[in-house]
Amino acid sequence: MGLNYEARQVGNVTIIDISGRIDIGVTLAFGAGAGLPLQAVIRDFATRGQKNIVLNLREVAYIDSSGIGDLVGSATTLRKHGGDLKIVNPSMVVQKLLHVTRVDTVIDVKPDETSALEAFSKLDT
């Protein structure tokens, strides 16, 4: 199963709804740009000025170490562009993995989109 995404804009924040698995060898499939790794997709958004991104992981069942690396690399890319990355709606399995690997100390994990959007709006004030 591939990794699919749909992006939508809420103010100055891009929300990316991801479904599938974030693991080695899996790339994002979406229309004409299919076949890109997560970090490349985030880099593309950042270079287009969409530097505040929320990853909605509600439909992600699994992340392996390469997927964890992609998340951290994506956050680093966005921060270099003056933005940030927030994760929302991780499943219990994904949430535990983010905690065990301490990714939740590097990337802000919120329970829902509203919390993530509020966190971004506090940065703007």
Protein backbone atom coordinates (compact mmCIF):
# COMPACT_ATOMS: atom_id res chain seq x y z
CA MET A 1 0.00 0.00 0.00
CA GLY A 2 1.35 3.40 -0.96
CA LEU A 3 1.28 6.52 1.09
CA ASN A 4 -1.29 9.05 -0.07
CA TYR A 5 -1.91 12.63 0.87
CA GLU A 6 -4.24 15.53 0.29
CA ALA A 7 -3.29 19.09 1.17
CA ARG A 8 -5.55 21.96 2.16
CA GLN A 9 -4.93 25.49 3.31
CA VAL A 10 -6.28 27.09 6.52
CA GLY A 11 -5.02 30.66 6.69
CA ASN A 12 -1.22 30.53 6.56
CA VAL A 13 -1.10 26.84 7.57
CA THR A 14 -1.05 23.90 5.17
CA ILE A 15 -2.72 20.78 6.52
CA ILE A 16 -1.61 17.54 4.91
CA ASP A 17 -3.86 14.53 5.51
CA ILE A 18 -1.75 11.38 5.12
CA SER A 19 -2.99 7.82 4.82
CA GLY A 20 -1.05 4.56 4.64
CA ARG A 21 2.32 3.65 6.12
CA ILE A 22 5.39 5.84 6.49
CA ASP A 23 8.18 3.33 6.04
CA ILE A 24 11.24 2.57 3.97
CA GLY A 25 10.61 2.40 0.27
CA VAL A 26 7.17 3.97 0.49
CA THR A 27 6.60 7.23 -1.31
CA LEU A 28 3.69 9.62 -1.43
CA ALA A 29 1.26 9.21 -4.29
CA PHE A 30 -0.81 12.17 -5.38
CA GLY A 31 -1.73 12.98 -8.95
CA ALA A 32 1.07 14.08 -11.25
CA GLY A 33 3.61 14.35 -8.42
CA ALA A 34 3.27 10.73 -7.38
CA GLY A 35 6.30 8.90 -6.14
CA LEU A 36 7.92 11.48 -3.87
CA PRO A 37 9.23 10.75 -0.37
CA LEU A 38 7.57 12.66 2.45
CA GLN A 39 10.56 14.91 3.06
CA ALA A 40 10.68 15.94 -0.64
CA VAL A 41 6.99 16.85 -0.56
CA ILE A 42 7.50 18.99 2.56
CA ARG A 43 10.55 20.65 0.98
CA ASP A 44 8.44 21.48 -2.09
CA PHE A 45 5.76 23.11 0.06
CA ALA A 46 8.43 25.10 1.93
CA THR A 47 10.06 26.41 -1.26
CA ARG A 48 6.62 27.59 -2.42
CA GLY A 49 6.27 29.59 0.81
CA GLN A 50 4.03 27.14 2.64
CA LYS A 51 6.29 26.83 5.66
CA ASN A 52 3.78 26.13 8.45
CA ILE A 53 2.58 22.57 8.05
CA VAL A 54 0.34 20.28 10.05
CA LEU A 55 0.63 16.56 9.29
CA ASN A 56 -2.62 14.80 10.06
CA LEU A 57 -1.62 11.20 10.80
CA ARG A 58 -5.13 9.92 11.62
CA GLU A 59 -4.99 7.38 8.77
CA VAL A 60 -1.34 6.35 9.27
CA ALA A 61 -1.15 2.87 10.75
CA TYR A 62 2.63 2.48 10.97
CA ILE A 63 5.90 4.42 10.89
CA ASP A 64 9.34 2.82 10.80
CA SER A 65 12.74 4.36 11.54
CA SER A 66 13.08 5.81 8.04
CA GLY A 67 9.67 7.43 8.45
CA ILE A 68 10.79 8.90 11.79
CA GLY A 69 13.83 10.27 9.97
CA ASP A 70 11.58 11.82 7.33
CA LEU A 71 9.49 13.54 10.02
CA VAL A 72 12.56 15.00 11.75
CA GLY A 73 14.11 16.00 8.43
CA SER A 74 10.86 17.66 7.38
CA ALA A 75 10.72 19.67 10.61
CA THR A 76 14.32 20.76 10.10
CA THR A 77 13.59 21.86 6.52
CA LEU A 78 10.58 23.92 7.59
CA ARG A 79 12.48 25.55 10.45
CA LYS A 80 15.26 26.56 8.05
CA HIS A 81 12.56 28.32 6.01
CA GLY A 82 11.23 30.10 9.12
CA GLY A 83 8.28 27.78 9.64
CA ASP A 84 7.45 24.70 11.68
CA LEU A 85 5.86 21.27 11.59
CA LYS A 86 3.15 19.97 13.89
CA ILE A 87 1.71 16.47 14.01
CA VAL A 88 -1.94 15.81 14.83
CA ASN A 89 -4.19 12.81 15.37
CA PRO A 90 -1.57 10.07 15.66
CA SER A 91 -2.97 6.62 16.35
CA MET A 92 -2.06 5.10 19.71
CA VAL A 93 0.63 2.94 18.07
CA VAL A 94 2.15 5.91 16.21
CA GLN A 95 1.89 8.12 19.29
CA LYS A 96 3.80 5.55 21.38
CA LEU A 97 6.49 5.31 18.72
CA LEU A 98 6.84 9.11 18.60
CA HIS A 99 7.23 9.09 22.38
CA VAL A 100 9.68 6.16 22.59
CA THR A 101 11.89 7.70 19.90
CA ARG A 102 11.53 11.10 21.61
CA VAL A 103 10.36 12.69 18.37
CA ASP A 104 7.59 14.29 20.44
CA THR A 105 10.30 16.39 22.13
CA VAL A 106 11.47 17.72 18.76
CA ILE A 107 8.16 18.01 16.91
CA ASP A 108 5.03 19.37 18.55
CA VAL A 109 2.34 16.65 18.66
CA LYS A 110 -1.19 17.94 19.16
CA PRO A 111 -4.39 15.97 19.70
CA ASP A 112 -6.29 17.73 16.90
CA GLU A 113 -6.11 20.33 14.13
CA THR A 114 -7.67 23.07 16.24
CA SER A 115 -4.86 22.81 18.81
CA ALA A 116 -2.20 22.88 16.09
CA LEU A 117 -3.77 25.90 14.36
CA GLU A 118 -3.99 27.72 17.70
CA ALA A 119 -0.29 26.98 18.35
CA PHE A 120 0.62 28.47 14.96
CA SER A 121 -1.54 31.55 15.60
CA LYS A 122 0.28 32.15 18.92
CA LEU A 123 3.56 32.22 16.99
CA ASP A 124 2.19 34.94 14.71
CA THR A 125 1.30 37.30 17.58
